[in-house]
Amino acid sequence: MAATVVRYLREVGAPTSAGPVEALPRPELRAVGEDERAPLDPGEFRRVLGHFASGVTIITAPPSESGAPPAGFACQSFSSLSLDPPLIAFMVARTSTTWPRIAAAGVFCVNVLGADQGPLCRSFAVSGADKFAGVDHDAAPVTGSPRLAGAPAWIDCTIHAVHTGGDHLIVVGRVEALGTAADGDRSPLLFHQGTFGRFQA
Protein backbone atom coordinates (compact mmCIF):
# COMPACT_ATOMS: atom_id res chain seq x y z
CA MET A 1 0.00 0.00 0.00
CA ALA A 2 2.52 2.57 1.12
CA ALA A 3 5.96 3.17 -0.34
CA THR A 4 8.82 2.98 2.09
CA VAL A 5 9.62 6.04 4.11
CA VAL A 6 13.05 6.18 2.52
CA ARG A 7 11.55 6.26 -0.98
CA TYR A 8 9.20 8.99 0.17
CA LEU A 9 12.06 11.06 1.56
CA ARG A 10 14.03 10.67 -1.65
CA GLU A 11 11.02 11.86 -3.65
CA VAL A 12 10.80 15.04 -1.61
CA GLY A 13 14.55 15.54 -1.68
CA ALA A 14 15.22 14.89 2.00
CA PRO A 15 18.40 13.08 3.14
CA THR A 16 18.00 9.42 4.04
CA SER A 17 21.33 8.52 5.59
CA ALA A 18 22.59 11.39 7.73
CA GLY A 19 20.88 14.27 9.48
CA PRO A 20 17.20 14.66 10.29
CA VAL A 21 14.67 12.27 8.84
CA GLU A 22 11.27 13.75 8.08
CA ALA A 23 8.59 11.67 9.79
CA LEU A 24 5.55 10.64 7.78
CA PRO A 25 2.21 12.10 8.82
CA ARG A 26 0.17 10.00 11.21
CA PRO A 27 -2.91 8.90 9.27
CA GLU A 28 -5.36 6.15 10.13
CA LEU A 29 -3.32 3.21 8.92
CA ARG A 30 -4.31 -0.09 7.37
CA ALA A 31 -1.69 -2.57 6.20
CA VAL A 32 -4.35 -4.25 4.04
CA GLY A 33 -7.91 -3.46 3.05
CA GLU A 34 -10.76 -4.68 5.24
CA ASP A 35 -11.83 -7.09 2.50
CA GLU A 36 -8.29 -8.55 2.40
CA ARG A 37 -7.85 -9.05 6.12
CA ALA A 38 -7.27 -12.57 7.39
CA PRO A 39 -9.73 -13.83 10.03
CA LEU A 40 -7.28 -13.16 12.88
CA ASP A 41 -8.29 -11.88 16.29
CA PRO A 42 -5.92 -9.10 17.48
CA GLY A 43 -6.13 -10.33 21.07
CA GLU A 44 -5.13 -13.82 20.03
CA PHE A 45 -2.27 -12.38 17.98
CA ARG A 46 -0.93 -10.54 21.04
CA ARG A 47 -1.46 -13.56 23.30
CA VAL A 48 0.49 -15.96 21.08
CA LEU A 49 3.30 -13.51 20.30
CA GLY A 50 3.57 -12.78 24.03
CA HIS A 51 5.19 -16.21 24.43
CA PHE A 52 8.33 -14.78 22.80
CA ALA A 53 10.53 -13.43 25.60
CA SER A 54 12.65 -10.40 24.74
CA GLY A 55 14.94 -7.87 26.26
CA VAL A 56 13.76 -4.30 26.80
CA THR A 57 15.33 -1.02 25.72
CA ILE A 58 14.71 2.69 25.97
CA ILE A 59 15.36 4.63 22.77
CA THR A 60 16.41 8.23 23.42
CA ALA A 61 17.16 11.31 21.32
CA PRO A 62 18.85 14.58 22.35
CA PRO A 63 17.15 17.92 23.01
CA SER A 64 16.28 19.82 19.85
CA GLU A 65 18.02 23.01 18.75
CA SER A 66 14.74 24.84 19.36
CA GLY A 67 14.92 23.96 23.03
CA ALA A 68 12.54 21.00 23.13
CA PRO A 69 13.50 18.46 25.83
CA PRO A 70 15.08 15.09 25.04
CA ALA A 71 12.80 12.37 23.72
CA GLY A 72 12.53 8.73 24.67
CA PHE A 73 10.28 5.70 24.67
CA ALA A 74 10.34 2.10 25.90
CA CYS A 75 10.96 -0.38 23.09
CA GLN A 76 10.72 -4.15 23.18
CA SER A 77 11.12 -4.56 19.39
CA PHE A 78 14.88 -4.15 19.06
CA SER A 79 17.44 -6.31 17.27
CA SER A 80 20.99 -6.39 15.97
CA LEU A 81 20.93 -6.41 12.18
CA SER A 82 24.37 -6.31 10.51
CA LEU A 83 28.02 -6.53 11.48
CA ASP A 84 29.43 -4.97 8.29
CA PRO A 85 28.33 -2.22 8.30
CA PRO A 86 27.34 -2.17 11.96
CA LEU A 87 23.55 -1.81 11.98
CA ILE A 88 20.75 -2.31 14.50
CA ALA A 89 16.99 -1.97 14.11
CA PHE A 90 13.97 -1.11 16.19
CA MET A 91 10.26 -0.93 15.44
CA VAL A 92 7.97 1.93 16.43
CA ALA A 93 4.24 2.46 15.91
CA ARG A 94 3.46 4.96 13.18
CA THR A 95 1.09 6.65 15.64
CA SER A 96 3.93 7.29 18.13
CA THR A 97 4.18 10.88 19.31
CA THR A 98 7.86 10.39 20.21
CA TRP A 99 9.05 9.06 16.85
CA PRO A 100 8.73 12.40 14.98
CA ARG A 101 11.08 13.98 17.54
CA ILE A 102 13.63 11.17 17.09
CA ALA A 103 13.27 11.43 13.31
CA ALA A 104 13.85 15.19 13.47
CA ALA A 105 17.02 14.63 15.51
CA GLY A 106 18.33 12.04 13.03
CA VAL A 107 20.13 10.25 15.87
CA PHE A 108 19.30 8.10 18.88
CA CYS A 109 20.77 5.96 21.65
CA VAL A 110 19.55 2.47 22.51
CA ASN A 111 19.73 1.90 26.27
CA VAL A 112 19.56 -1.82 27.08
CA LEU A 113 17.80 -2.09 30.42
CA GLY A 114 18.97 -4.07 33.42
CA ALA A 115 16.90 -6.45 35.55
CA ASP A 116 16.21 -3.79 38.20
CA GLN A 117 15.01 -1.13 35.72
CA GLY A 118 11.40 -2.23 35.28
CA PRO A 119 10.05 0.95 36.94
CA LEU A 120 12.20 3.07 34.61
CA CYS A 121 10.80 1.19 31.63
CA ARG A 122 7.24 1.79 32.81
CA SER A 123 7.88 5.52 33.21
CA PHE A 124 9.11 5.74 29.60
CA ALA A 125 6.07 3.80 28.37
CA VAL A 126 3.71 6.58 29.51
CA SER A 127 2.71 9.09 26.86
CA GLY A 128 2.86 12.80 27.59
CA ALA A 129 4.78 12.67 30.89
CA ASP A 130 8.15 14.29 31.60
CA LYS A 131 10.01 11.02 31.16
CA PHE A 132 13.42 12.38 32.11
CA ALA A 133 12.36 13.96 35.42
CA GLY A 134 14.69 12.62 38.08
CA VAL A 135 16.40 10.23 35.64
CA ASP A 136 20.20 10.29 35.83
CA HIS A 137 21.80 10.38 32.39
CA ASP A 138 24.68 11.80 30.41
CA ALA A 139 25.31 12.40 26.71
CA ALA A 140 26.30 9.54 24.41
CA PRO A 141 29.72 10.34 22.91
CA VAL A 142 28.82 10.81 19.23
CA THR A 143 25.19 11.90 19.00
CA GLY A 144 24.64 13.47 22.42
CA SER A 145 21.53 11.34 22.94
CA PRO A 146 20.73 10.57 26.59
CA ARG A 147 22.65 7.60 27.95
CA LEU A 148 20.75 6.36 30.99
CA ALA A 149 22.58 5.59 34.21
CA GLY A 150 22.52 1.96 35.24
CA ALA A 151 21.84 0.55 31.77
CA PRO A 152 24.03 -2.53 31.22
CA ALA A 153 24.72 -1.51 27.61
CA TRP A 154 24.22 1.44 25.26
CA ILE A 155 24.40 1.84 21.48
CA ASP A 156 24.83 5.32 19.97
CA CYS A 157 23.39 5.57 16.42
CA THR A 158 22.52 7.73 13.47
CA ILE A 159 19.40 6.93 11.45
CA HIS A 160 20.47 4.88 8.44
CA ALA A 161 17.10 3.99 6.85
CA VAL A 162 13.40 3.80 7.66
CA HIS A 163 10.94 1.30 6.16
CA THR A 164 7.21 0.80 6.56
CA GLY A 165 5.94 -2.40 8.15
CA GLY A 166 2.16 -2.27 8.30
CA ASP A 167 1.16 -0.02 11.20
CA HIS A 168 4.80 0.24 12.36
CA LEU A 169 8.03 1.72 11.05
CA ILE A 170 11.26 -0.29 10.90
CA VAL A 171 14.08 2.06 11.85
CA VAL A 172 17.61 1.01 10.93
CA GLY A 173 20.42 2.69 12.85
CA ARG A 174 24.11 2.85 11.99
CA VAL A 175 26.17 2.24 15.11
CA GLU A 176 28.61 5.08 15.81
CA ALA A 177 29.69 4.05 19.32
CA LEU A 178 28.69 1.51 21.94
CA GLY A 179 29.69 0.21 25.32
CA THR A 180 28.73 -1.60 28.51
CA ALA A 181 28.45 -0.59 32.14
CA ALA A 182 31.81 -0.42 33.85
CA ASP A 183 30.54 -2.12 36.99
CA GLY A 184 27.44 -3.45 38.70
CA ASP A 185 24.97 -6.17 37.81
CA ARG A 186 24.61 -6.56 34.03
CA SER A 187 21.66 -8.95 34.17
CA PRO A 188 19.09 -7.96 31.52
CA LEU A 189 15.49 -6.95 32.04
CA LEU A 190 13.25 -9.47 30.25
CA PHE A 191 9.65 -9.12 29.10
CA HIS A 192 7.38 -12.16 28.74
CA GLN A 193 3.59 -12.47 28.58
CA GLY A 194 3.05 -8.93 29.83
CA THR A 195 5.39 -9.07 32.83
CA PHE A 196 9.01 -8.23 33.60
CA GLY A 197 11.53 -10.77 34.81
CA ARG A 198 15.24 -11.53 34.92
CA PHE A 199 17.52 -14.10 33.31
CA GLN A 200 18.58 -17.10 35.34
CA ALA A 201 20.88 -19.69 33.81
C-alpha atoms as a PDB file:
ATOM      1  CA  MET A   1       0.000   0.000   0.000  1.00  0.00           C
ATOM      2  CA  ALA A   2       2.519   2.573   1.123  1.00  0.00           C
ATOM      3  CA  ALA A   3       5.955   3.172  -0.336  1.00  0.00           C
ATOM      4  CA  THR A   4       8.823   2.980   2.088  1.00  0.00           C
ATOM      5  CA  VAL A   5       9.625   6.043   4.108  1.00  0.00           C
ATOM      6  CA  VAL A   6      13.048   6.176   2.516  1.00  0.00           C
ATOM      7  CA  ARG A   7      11.547   6.258  -0.982  1.00  0.00           C
ATOM      8  CA  TYR A   8       9.201   8.989   0.175  1.00  0.00           C
ATOM      9  CA  LEU A   9      12.062  11.057   1.556  1.00  0.00           C
ATOM     10  CA  ARG A  10      14.026  10.670  -1.654  1.00  0.00           C
ATOM     11  CA  GLU A  11      11.021  11.856  -3.651  1.00  0.00           C
ATOM     12  CA  VAL A  12      10.804  15.042  -1.610  1.00  0.00           C
ATOM     13  CA  GLY A  13      14.549  15.540  -1.684  1.00  0.00           C
ATOM     14  CA  ALA A  14      15.222  14.891   1.998  1.00  0.00           C
ATOM     15  CA  PRO A  15      18.397  13.076   3.140  1.00  0.00           C
ATOM     16  CA  THR A  16      17.998   9.424   4.043  1.00  0.00           C
ATOM     17  CA  SER A  17      21.326   8.524   5.594  1.00  0.00           C
ATOM     18  CA  ALA A  18      22.586  11.391   7.727  1.00  0.00           C
ATOM     19  CA  GLY A  19      20.885  14.266   9.480  1.00  0.00           C
ATOM     20  CA  PRO A  20      17.201  14.664  10.294  1.00  0.00           C
ATOM     21  CA  VAL A  21      14.670  12.268   8.835  1.00  0.00           C
ATOM     22  CA  GLU A  22      11.272  13.749   8.079  1.00  0.00           C
ATOM     23  CA  ALA A  23       8.590  11.673   9.788  1.00  0.00           C
ATOM     24  CA  LEU A  24       5.555  10.636   7.778  1.00  0.00           C
ATOM     25  CA  PRO A  25       2.211  12.103   8.818  1.00  0.00           C
ATOM     26  CA  ARG A  26       0.171  10.002  11.211  1.00  0.00           C
ATOM     27  CA  PRO A  27      -2.913   8.897   9.275  1.00  0.00           C
ATOM     28  CA  GLU A  28      -5.363   6.154  10.130  1.00  0.00           C
ATOM     29  CA  LEU A  29      -3.322   3.208   8.921  1.00  0.00           C
ATOM     30  CA  ARG A  30      -4.310  -0.088   7.373  1.00  0.00           C
ATOM     31  CA  ALA A  31      -1.689  -2.571   6.198  1.00  0.00           C
ATOM     32  CA  VAL A  32      -4.347  -4.246   4.042  1.00  0.00           C
ATOM     33  CA  GLY A  33      -7.912  -3.457   3.051  1.00  0.00           C
ATOM     34  CA  GLU A  34     -10.765  -4.678   5.241  1.00  0.00           C
ATOM     35  CA  ASP A  35     -11.830  -7.094   2.498  1.00  0.00           C
ATOM     36  CA  GLU A  36      -8.293  -8.554   2.400  1.00  0.00           C
ATOM     37  CA  ARG A  37      -7.848  -9.047   6.119  1.00  0.00           C
ATOM     38  CA  ALA A  38      -7.266 -12.571   7.390  1.00  0.00           C
ATOM     39  CA  PRO A  39      -9.735 -13.834  10.032  1.00  0.00           C
ATOM     40  CA  LEU A  40      -7.280 -13.165  12.877  1.00  0.00           C
ATOM     41  CA  ASP A  41      -8.291 -11.875  16.291  1.00  0.00           C
ATOM     42  CA  PRO A  42      -5.916  -9.096  17.485  1.00  0.00           C
ATOM     43  CA  GLY A  43      -6.133 -10.328  21.066  1.00  0.00           C
ATOM     44  CA  GLU A  44      -5.135 -13.818  20.031  1.00  0.00           C
ATOM     45  CA  PHE A  45      -2.267 -12.379  17.976  1.00  0.00           C
ATOM     46  CA  ARG A  46      -0.931 -10.543  21.043  1.00  0.00           C
ATOM     47  CA  ARG A  47      -1.458 -13.564  23.302  1.00  0.00           C
ATOM     48  CA  VAL A  48       0.488 -15.963  21.084  1.00  0.00           C
ATOM     49  CA  LEU A  49       3.303 -13.513  20.303  1.00  0.00           C
ATOM     50  CA  GLY A  50       3.568 -12.780  24.029  1.00  0.00           C
ATOM     51  CA  HIS A  51       5.189 -16.207  24.429  1.00  0.00           C
ATOM     52  CA  PHE A  52       8.329 -14.778  22.805  1.00  0.00           C
ATOM     53  CA  ALA A  53      10.534 -13.433  25.595  1.00  0.00           C
ATOM     54  CA  SER A  54      12.648 -10.401  24.737  1.00  0.00           C
ATOM     55  CA  GLY A  55      14.942  -7.872  26.260  1.00  0.00           C
ATOM     56  CA  VAL A  56      13.756  -4.301  26.803  1.00  0.00           C
ATOM     57  CA  THR A  57      15.329  -1.020  25.724  1.00  0.00           C
ATOM     58  CA  ILE A  58      14.708   2.692  25.965  1.00  0.00           C
ATOM     59  CA  ILE A  59      15.358   4.632  22.770  1.00  0.00           C
ATOM     60  CA  THR A  60      16.408   8.234  23.420  1.00  0.00           C
ATOM     61  CA  ALA A  61      17.160  11.311  21.317  1.00  0.00           C
ATOM     62  CA  PRO A  62      18.855  14.580  22.355  1.00  0.00           C
ATOM     63  CA  PRO A  63      17.152  17.915  23.008  1.00  0.00           C
ATOM     64  CA  SER A  64      16.283  19.824  19.850  1.00  0.00           C
ATOM     65  CA  GLU A  65      18.024  23.010  18.745  1.00  0.00           C
ATOM     66  CA  SER A  66      14.743  24.844  19.359  1.00  0.00           C
ATOM     67  CA  GLY A  67      14.920  23.957  23.034  1.00  0.00           C
ATOM     68  CA  ALA A  68      12.541  20.996  23.126  1.00  0.00           C
ATOM     69  CA  PRO A  69      13.503  18.462  25.830  1.00  0.00           C
ATOM     70  CA  PRO A  70      15.084  15.095  25.038  1.00  0.00           C
ATOM     71  CA  ALA A  71      12.800  12.365  23.719  1.00  0.00           C
ATOM     72  CA  GLY A  72      12.525   8.726  24.671  1.00  0.00           C
ATOM     73  CA  PHE A  73      10.277   5.700  24.673  1.00  0.00           C
ATOM     74  CA  ALA A  74      10.339   2.098  25.902  1.00  0.00           C
ATOM     75  CA  CYS A  75      10.964  -0.377  23.093  1.00  0.00           C
ATOM     76  CA  GLN A  76      10.718  -4.150  23.181  1.00  0.00           C
ATOM     77  CA  SER A  77      11.118  -4.560  19.393  1.00  0.00           C
ATOM     78  CA  PHE A  78      14.885  -4.146  19.057  1.00  0.00           C
ATOM     79  CA  SER A  79      17.445  -6.305  17.273  1.00  0.00           C
ATOM     80  CA  SER A  80      20.988  -6.392  15.968  1.00  0.00           C
ATOM     81  CA  LEU A  81      20.933  -6.409  12.175  1.00  0.00           C
ATOM     82  CA  SER A  82      24.369  -6.310  10.510  1.00  0.00           C
ATOM     83  CA  LEU A  83      28.023  -6.533  11.477  1.00  0.00           C
ATOM     84  CA  ASP A  84      29.427  -4.969   8.291  1.00  0.00           C
ATOM     85  CA  PRO A  85      28.326  -2.221   8.297  1.00  0.00           C
ATOM     86  CA  PRO A  86      27.336  -2.174  11.962  1.00  0.00           C
ATOM     87  CA  LEU A  87      23.546  -1.808  11.977  1.00  0.00           C
ATOM     88  CA  ILE A  88      20.753  -2.308  14.496  1.00  0.00           C
ATOM     89  CA  ALA A  89      16.991  -1.965  14.105  1.00  0.00           C
ATOM     90  CA  PHE A  90      13.967  -1.110  16.193  1.00  0.00           C
ATOM     91  CA  MET A  91      10.260  -0.926  15.439  1.00  0.00           C
ATOM     92  CA  VAL A  92       7.972   1.926  16.431  1.00  0.00           C
ATOM     93  CA  ALA A  93       4.243   2.459  15.911  1.00  0.00           C
ATOM     94  CA  ARG A  94       3.459   4.965  13.178  1.00  0.00           C
ATOM     95  CA  THR A  95       1.091   6.652  15.644  1.00  0.00           C
ATOM     96  CA  SER A  96       3.926   7.289  18.129  1.00  0.00           C
ATOM     97  CA  THR A  97       4.184  10.881  19.308  1.00  0.00           C
ATOM     98  CA  THR A  98       7.860  10.394  20.214  1.00  0.00           C
ATOM     99  CA  TRP A  99       9.051   9.056  16.852  1.00  0.00           C
ATOM    100  CA  PRO A 100       8.726  12.398  14.985  1.00  0.00           C
ATOM    101  CA  ARG A 101      11.084  13.980  17.537  1.00  0.00           C
ATOM    102  CA  ILE A 102      13.634  11.171  17.091  1.00  0.00           C
ATOM    103  CA  ALA A 103      13.271  11.431  13.310  1.00  0.00           C
ATOM    104  CA  ALA A 104      13.851  15.190  13.473  1.00  0.00           C
ATOM    105  CA  ALA A 105      17.023  14.632  15.512  1.00  0.00           C
ATOM    106  CA  GLY A 106      18.332  12.043  13.028  1.00  0.00           C
ATOM    107  CA  VAL A 107      20.131  10.255  15.869  1.00  0.00           C
ATOM    108  CA  PHE A 108      19.303   8.098  18.884  1.00  0.00           C
ATOM    109  CA  CYS A 109      20.772   5.962  21.645  1.00  0.00           C
ATOM    110  CA  VAL A 110      19.554   2.472  22.512  1.00  0.00           C
ATOM    111  CA  ASN A 111      19.725   1.901  26.271  1.00  0.00           C
ATOM    112  CA  VAL A 112      19.561  -1.821  27.079  1.00  0.00           C
ATOM    113  CA  LEU A 113      17.801  -2.091  30.425  1.00  0.00           C
ATOM    114  CA  GLY A 114      18.969  -4.065  33.422  1.00  0.00           C
ATOM    115  CA  ALA A 115      16.903  -6.448  35.550  1.00  0.00           C
ATOM    116  CA  ASP A 116      16.209  -3.785  38.197  1.00  0.00           C
ATOM    117  CA  GLN A 117      15.014  -1.127  35.725  1.00  0.00           C
ATOM    118  CA  GLY A 118      11.397  -2.228  35.280  1.00  0.00           C
ATOM    119  CA  PRO A 119      10.051   0.950  36.944  1.00  0.00           C
ATOM    120  CA  LEU A 120      12.198   3.070  34.611  1.00  0.00           C
ATOM    121  CA  CYS A 121      10.799   1.190  31.635  1.00  0.00           C
ATOM    122  CA  ARG A 122       7.237   1.789  32.812  1.00  0.00           C
ATOM    123  CA  SER A 123       7.884   5.522  33.208  1.00  0.00           C
ATOM    124  CA  PHE A 124       9.106   5.743  29.595  1.00  0.00           C
ATOM    125  CA  ALA A 125       6.072   3.804  28.371  1.00  0.00           C
ATOM    126  CA  VAL A 126       3.708   6.578  29.515  1.00  0.00           C
ATOM    127  CA  SER A 127       2.709   9.095  26.861  1.00  0.00           C
ATOM    128  CA  GLY A 128       2.857  12.803  27.594  1.00  0.00           C
ATOM    129  CA  ALA A 129       4.780  12.668  30.885  1.00  0.00           C
ATOM    130  CA  ASP A 130       8.152  14.290  31.601  1.00  0.00           C
ATOM    131  CA  LYS A 131      10.006  11.015  31.164  1.00  0.00           C
ATOM    132  CA  PHE A 132      13.419  12.376  32.113  1.00  0.00           C
ATOM    133  CA  ALA A 133      12.360  13.962  35.415  1.00  0.00           C
ATOM    134  CA  GLY A 134      14.693  12.618  38.083  1.00  0.00           C
ATOM    135  CA  VAL A 135      16.401  10.227  35.639  1.00  0.00           C
ATOM    136  CA  ASP A 136      20.195  10.293  35.834  1.00  0.00           C
ATOM    137  CA  HIS A 137      21.803  10.380  32.389  1.00  0.00           C
ATOM    138  CA  ASP A 138      24.682  11.797  30.407  1.00  0.00           C
ATOM    139  CA  ALA A 139      25.312  12.398  26.710  1.00  0.00           C
ATOM    140  CA  ALA A 140      26.295   9.537  24.410  1.00  0.00           C
ATOM    141  CA  PRO A 141      29.720  10.342  22.910  1.00  0.00           C
ATOM    142  CA  VAL A 142      28.823  10.813  19.227  1.00  0.00           C
ATOM    143  CA  THR A 143      25.191  11.896  19.001  1.00  0.00           C
ATOM    144  CA  GLY A 144      24.644  13.470  22.417  1.00  0.00           C
ATOM    145  CA  SER A 145      21.530  11.337  22.941  1.00  0.00           C
ATOM    146  CA  PRO A 146      20.726  10.567  26.595  1.00  0.00           C
ATOM    147  CA  ARG A 147      22.652   7.596  27.946  1.00  0.00           C
ATOM    148  CA  LEU A 148      20.752   6.360  30.988  1.00  0.00           C
ATOM    149  CA  ALA A 149      22.582   5.588  34.214  1.00  0.00           C
ATOM    150  CA  GLY A 150      22.520   1.958  35.245  1.00  0.00           C
ATOM    151  CA  ALA A 151      21.840   0.551  31.770  1.00  0.00           C
ATOM    152  CA  PRO A 152      24.027  -2.532  31.220  1.00  0.00           C
ATOM    153  CA  ALA A 153      24.718  -1.511  27.606  1.00  0.00           C
ATOM    154  CA  TRP A 154      24.217   1.444  25.261  1.00  0.00           C
ATOM    155  CA  ILE A 155      24.400   1.837  21.476  1.00  0.00           C
ATOM    156  CA  ASP A 156      24.832   5.322  19.965  1.00  0.00           C
ATOM    157  CA  CYS A 157      23.385   5.574  16.424  1.00  0.00           C
ATOM    158  CA  THR A 158      22.520   7.731  13.466  1.00  0.00           C
ATOM    159  CA  ILE A 159      19.398   6.932  11.449  1.00  0.00           C
ATOM    160  CA  HIS A 160      20.468   4.877   8.438  1.00  0.00           C
ATOM    161  CA  ALA A 161      17.095   3.994   6.853  1.00  0.00           C
ATOM    162  CA  VAL A 162      13.397   3.801   7.661  1.00  0.00           C
ATOM    163  CA  HIS A 163      10.944   1.304   6.163  1.00  0.00           C
ATOM    164  CA  THR A 164       7.210   0.803   6.557  1.00  0.00           C
ATOM    165  CA  GLY A 165       5.943  -2.398   8.147  1.00  0.00           C
ATOM    166  CA  GLY A 166       2.162  -2.270   8.304  1.00  0.00           C
ATOM    167  CA  ASP A 167       1.161  -0.024  11.202  1.00  0.00           C
ATOM    168  CA  HIS A 168       4.796   0.238  12.357  1.00  0.00           C
ATOM    169  CA  LEU A 169       8.031   1.717  11.049  1.00  0.00           C
ATOM    170  CA  ILE A 170      11.259  -0.285  10.898  1.00  0.00           C
ATOM    171  CA  VAL A 171      14.077   2.060  11.853  1.00  0.00           C
ATOM    172  CA  VAL A 172      17.609   1.008  10.931  1.00  0.00           C
ATOM    173  CA  GLY A 173      20.422   2.687  12.847  1.00  0.00           C
ATOM    174  CA  ARG A 174      24.107   2.848  11.987  1.00  0.00           C
ATOM    175  CA  VAL A 175      26.170   2.244  15.110  1.00  0.00           C
ATOM    176  CA  GLU A 176      28.615   5.082  15.808  1.00  0.00           C
ATOM    177  CA  ALA A 177      29.687   4.050  19.324  1.00  0.00           C
ATOM    178  CA  LEU A 178      28.685   1.513  21.936  1.00  0.00           C
ATOM    179  CA  GLY A 179      29.686   0.214  25.325  1.00  0.00           C
ATOM    180  CA  THR A 180      28.729  -1.604  28.510  1.00  0.00           C
ATOM    181  CA  ALA A 181      28.454  -0.590  32.145  1.00  0.00           C
ATOM    182  CA  ALA A 182      31.808  -0.418  33.850  1.00  0.00           C
ATOM    183  CA  ASP A 183      30.541  -2.124  36.986  1.00  0.00           C
ATOM    184  CA  GLY A 184      27.444  -3.451  38.701  1.00  0.00           C
ATOM    185  CA  ASP A 185      24.972  -6.171  37.805  1.00  0.00           C
ATOM    186  CA  ARG A 186      24.614  -6.562  34.027  1.00  0.00           C
ATOM    187  CA  SER A 187      21.656  -8.952  34.167  1.00  0.00           C
ATOM    188  CA  PRO A 188      19.089  -7.961  31.516  1.00  0.00           C
ATOM    189  CA  LEU A 189      15.486  -6.953  32.038  1.00  0.00           C
ATOM    190  CA  LEU A 190      13.251  -9.471  30.251  1.00  0.00           C
ATOM    191  CA  PHE A 191       9.649  -9.117  29.096  1.00  0.00           C
ATOM    192  CA  HIS A 192       7.383 -12.159  28.743  1.00  0.00           C
ATOM    193  CA  GLN A 193       3.592 -12.467  28.579  1.00  0.00           C
ATOM    194  CA  GLY A 194       3.050  -8.929  29.831  1.00  0.00           C
ATOM    195  CA  THR A 195       5.393  -9.073  32.830  1.00  0.00           C
ATOM    196  CA  PHE A 196       9.008  -8.232  33.604  1.00  0.00           C
ATOM    197  CA  GLY A 197      11.532 -10.769  34.810  1.00  0.00           C
ATOM    198  CA  ARG A 198      15.237 -11.534  34.922  1.00  0.00           C
ATOM    199  CA  PHE A 199      17.519 -14.099  33.313  1.00  0.00           C
ATOM    200  CA  GLN A 200      18.575 -17.100  35.343  1.00  0.00           C
ATOM    201  CA  ALA A 201      20.884 -19.692  33.811  1.00  0.00           C
END
